[in-house]
Amino acid sequence: MATRETLHRKIDALSEEIFDRARHETRVVVSTETDFATLLAAPREPFPSVLLFRRGSQRRSEQQAALLLANLPAIQQDLESGAVVVVEPDRIRVRRLPLIP
């Protein structure tokens, strides 16, 4: 049986694999996991962009897709340039990459 630490290592490795592939294929990572924003801070790179649906935003994929499509014209340039875009029920926040503390 895997320990909690082992499970977290596997999740971290998978997350890094997702980021590496997105960076290589010039894709945007779409997630509800806030851990992805943390992973972006480590390498201090401008890509890949992340679109993050925060709690309170619609959880059904159809609703998220509609929300994304409705707001894409306003955030497309940011995503193409490298950004973390956080979608919340009442606002959208954009933070340019790389994330520098």
C-alpha atoms as a PDB file:
ATOM      1  CA  MET A   1       0.000   0.000   0.000  1.00  0.00           C
ATOM      2  CA  ALA A   2       1.380   3.388  -0.980  1.00  0.00           C
ATOM      3  CA  THR A   3       2.083   5.876   1.754  1.00  0.00           C
ATOM      4  CA  ARG A   4       0.783   9.416   1.558  1.00  0.00           C
ATOM      5  CA  GLU A   5       4.313  10.661   0.766  1.00  0.00           C
ATOM      6  CA  THR A   6       4.681   8.155  -2.076  1.00  0.00           C
ATOM      7  CA  LEU A   7       1.319   9.183  -3.473  1.00  0.00           C
ATOM      8  CA  HIS A   8       2.303  12.872  -3.379  1.00  0.00           C
ATOM      9  CA  ARG A   9       5.559  12.084  -5.200  1.00  0.00           C
ATOM     10  CA  LYS A  10       3.647  10.281  -7.946  1.00  0.00           C
ATOM     11  CA  ILE A  11       1.211  13.187  -8.296  1.00  0.00           C
ATOM     12  CA  ASP A  12       4.099  15.674  -8.420  1.00  0.00           C
ATOM     13  CA  ALA A  13       5.844  13.615 -11.106  1.00  0.00           C
ATOM     14  CA  LEU A  14       2.652  13.436 -13.165  1.00  0.00           C
ATOM     15  CA  SER A  15       2.115  17.194 -12.758  1.00  0.00           C
ATOM     16  CA  GLU A  16       5.650  17.889 -13.973  1.00  0.00           C
ATOM     17  CA  GLU A  17       5.053  15.584 -16.937  1.00  0.00           C
ATOM     18  CA  ILE A  18       1.889  17.522 -17.816  1.00  0.00           C
ATOM     19  CA  PHE A  19       3.794  20.810 -17.613  1.00  0.00           C
ATOM     20  CA  ASP A  20       6.696  19.542 -19.689  1.00  0.00           C
ATOM     21  CA  ARG A  21       4.379  18.301 -22.418  1.00  0.00           C
ATOM     22  CA  ALA A  22       2.321  21.515 -22.411  1.00  0.00           C
ATOM     23  CA  ARG A  23       5.511  23.577 -22.629  1.00  0.00           C
ATOM     24  CA  HIS A  24       6.885  21.445 -25.476  1.00  0.00           C
ATOM     25  CA  GLU A  25       3.588  21.472 -27.433  1.00  0.00           C
ATOM     26  CA  THR A  26       2.787  25.146 -26.668  1.00  0.00           C
ATOM     27  CA  ARG A  27      -0.460  24.280 -24.912  1.00  0.00           C
ATOM     28  CA  VAL A  28      -2.426  25.777 -22.024  1.00  0.00           C
ATOM     29  CA  VAL A  29      -2.993  23.695 -18.890  1.00  0.00           C
ATOM     30  CA  VAL A  30      -6.621  23.891 -17.712  1.00  0.00           C
ATOM     31  CA  SER A  31      -7.240  22.746 -14.158  1.00  0.00           C
ATOM     32  CA  THR A  32      -9.121  23.104 -10.906  1.00  0.00           C
ATOM     33  CA  GLU A  33      -5.970  22.214  -8.950  1.00  0.00           C
ATOM     34  CA  THR A  34      -4.220  25.159  -7.320  1.00  0.00           C
ATOM     35  CA  ASP A  35      -1.008  23.103  -7.123  1.00  0.00           C
ATOM     36  CA  PHE A  36      -0.343  23.895 -10.777  1.00  0.00           C
ATOM     37  CA  ALA A  37       0.217  27.559  -9.970  1.00  0.00           C
ATOM     38  CA  THR A  38       2.760  26.507  -7.347  1.00  0.00           C
ATOM     39  CA  LEU A  39       4.602  24.398  -9.926  1.00  0.00           C
ATOM     40  CA  LEU A  40       4.817  27.433 -12.200  1.00  0.00           C
ATOM     41  CA  ALA A  41       6.621  29.482  -9.568  1.00  0.00           C
ATOM     42  CA  ALA A  42       9.536  27.041  -9.261  1.00  0.00           C
ATOM     43  CA  PRO A  43      11.153  27.151 -12.728  1.00  0.00           C
ATOM     44  CA  ARG A  44      10.437  30.860 -13.327  1.00  0.00           C
ATOM     45  CA  GLU A  45       9.599  30.196 -16.952  1.00  0.00           C
ATOM     46  CA  PRO A  46       7.047  32.066 -19.073  1.00  0.00           C
ATOM     47  CA  PHE A  47       5.262  28.903 -20.261  1.00  0.00           C
ATOM     48  CA  PRO A  48       3.020  26.988 -20.150  1.00  0.00           C
ATOM     49  CA  SER A  49       0.063  29.180 -19.326  1.00  0.00           C
ATOM     50  CA  VAL A  50      -2.473  27.869 -16.826  1.00  0.00           C
ATOM     51  CA  LEU A  51      -6.205  28.467 -16.749  1.00  0.00           C
ATOM     52  CA  LEU A  52      -7.434  27.726 -13.239  1.00  0.00           C
ATOM     53  CA  PHE A  53     -11.094  27.343 -12.306  1.00  0.00           C
ATOM     54  CA  ARG A  54     -11.373  28.235  -8.616  1.00  0.00           C
ATOM     55  CA  ARG A  55     -13.908  27.004  -6.081  1.00  0.00           C
ATOM     56  CA  GLY A  56     -17.284  28.512  -6.524  1.00  0.00           C
ATOM     57  CA  SER A  57     -16.935  28.556 -10.298  1.00  0.00           C
ATOM     58  CA  GLN A  58     -19.064  26.049 -12.150  1.00  0.00           C
ATOM     59  CA  ARG A  59     -17.733  22.495 -11.837  1.00  0.00           C
ATOM     60  CA  ARG A  60     -19.470  20.846 -14.757  1.00  0.00           C
ATOM     61  CA  SER A  61     -17.279  20.675 -17.838  1.00  0.00           C
ATOM     62  CA  GLU A  62     -20.024  22.090 -20.073  1.00  0.00           C
ATOM     63  CA  GLN A  63     -20.383  25.127 -17.812  1.00  0.00           C
ATOM     64  CA  GLN A  64     -16.608  25.622 -17.624  1.00  0.00           C
ATOM     65  CA  ALA A  65     -16.327  25.408 -21.412  1.00  0.00           C
ATOM     66  CA  ALA A  66     -19.104  27.990 -21.833  1.00  0.00           C
ATOM     67  CA  LEU A  67     -17.427  30.283 -19.291  1.00  0.00           C
ATOM     68  CA  LEU A  68     -14.079  29.899 -21.064  1.00  0.00           C
ATOM     69  CA  LEU A  69     -15.542  30.577 -24.507  1.00  0.00           C
ATOM     70  CA  ALA A  70     -17.438  33.627 -23.248  1.00  0.00           C
ATOM     71  CA  ASN A  71     -14.231  35.122 -21.812  1.00  0.00           C
ATOM     72  CA  LEU A  72     -11.640  33.862 -24.298  1.00  0.00           C
ATOM     73  CA  PRO A  73     -11.432  37.112 -26.299  1.00  0.00           C
ATOM     74  CA  ALA A  74     -10.440  38.960 -23.117  1.00  0.00           C
ATOM     75  CA  ILE A  75      -7.787  36.448 -21.987  1.00  0.00           C
ATOM     76  CA  GLN A  76      -6.477  34.899 -25.215  1.00  0.00           C
ATOM     77  CA  GLN A  77      -3.513  37.251 -25.598  1.00  0.00           C
ATOM     78  CA  ASP A  78      -2.490  36.699 -21.969  1.00  0.00           C
ATOM     79  CA  LEU A  79      -2.621  32.919 -22.394  1.00  0.00           C
ATOM     80  CA  GLU A  80      -0.571  33.125 -25.604  1.00  0.00           C
ATOM     81  CA  SER A  81       2.028  35.357 -23.914  1.00  0.00           C
ATOM     82  CA  GLY A  82       2.313  33.244 -20.756  1.00  0.00           C
ATOM     83  CA  ALA A  83       0.021  33.774 -17.779  1.00  0.00           C
ATOM     84  CA  VAL A  84      -1.910  32.233 -14.942  1.00  0.00           C
ATOM     85  CA  VAL A  85      -5.585  33.045 -15.475  1.00  0.00           C
ATOM     86  CA  VAL A  86      -7.799  32.394 -12.467  1.00  0.00           C
ATOM     87  CA  VAL A  87     -11.530  32.118 -13.111  1.00  0.00           C
ATOM     88  CA  GLU A  88     -13.739  32.793 -10.102  1.00  0.00           C
ATOM     89  CA  PRO A  89     -17.526  33.207  -9.959  1.00  0.00           C
ATOM     90  CA  ASP A  90     -17.389  37.008  -9.969  1.00  0.00           C
ATOM     91  CA  ARG A  91     -14.066  37.866 -11.608  1.00  0.00           C
ATOM     92  CA  ILE A  92     -11.112  36.750 -13.698  1.00  0.00           C
ATOM     93  CA  ARG A  93      -7.576  37.469 -12.528  1.00  0.00           C
ATOM     94  CA  VAL A  94      -4.502  37.424 -14.758  1.00  0.00           C
ATOM     95  CA  ARG A  95      -0.921  37.145 -13.569  1.00  0.00           C
ATOM     96  CA  ARG A  96       1.846  37.204 -16.159  1.00  0.00           C
ATOM     97  CA  LEU A  97       4.578  34.595 -16.235  1.00  0.00           C
ATOM     98  CA  PRO A  98       7.172  34.001 -15.053  1.00  0.00           C
ATOM     99  CA  LEU A  99       5.968  34.246 -11.473  1.00  0.00           C
ATOM    100  CA  ILE A 100       8.625  36.098  -9.540  1.00  0.00           C
ATOM    101  CA  PRO A 101       8.141  36.423  -5.779  1.00  0.00           C
END
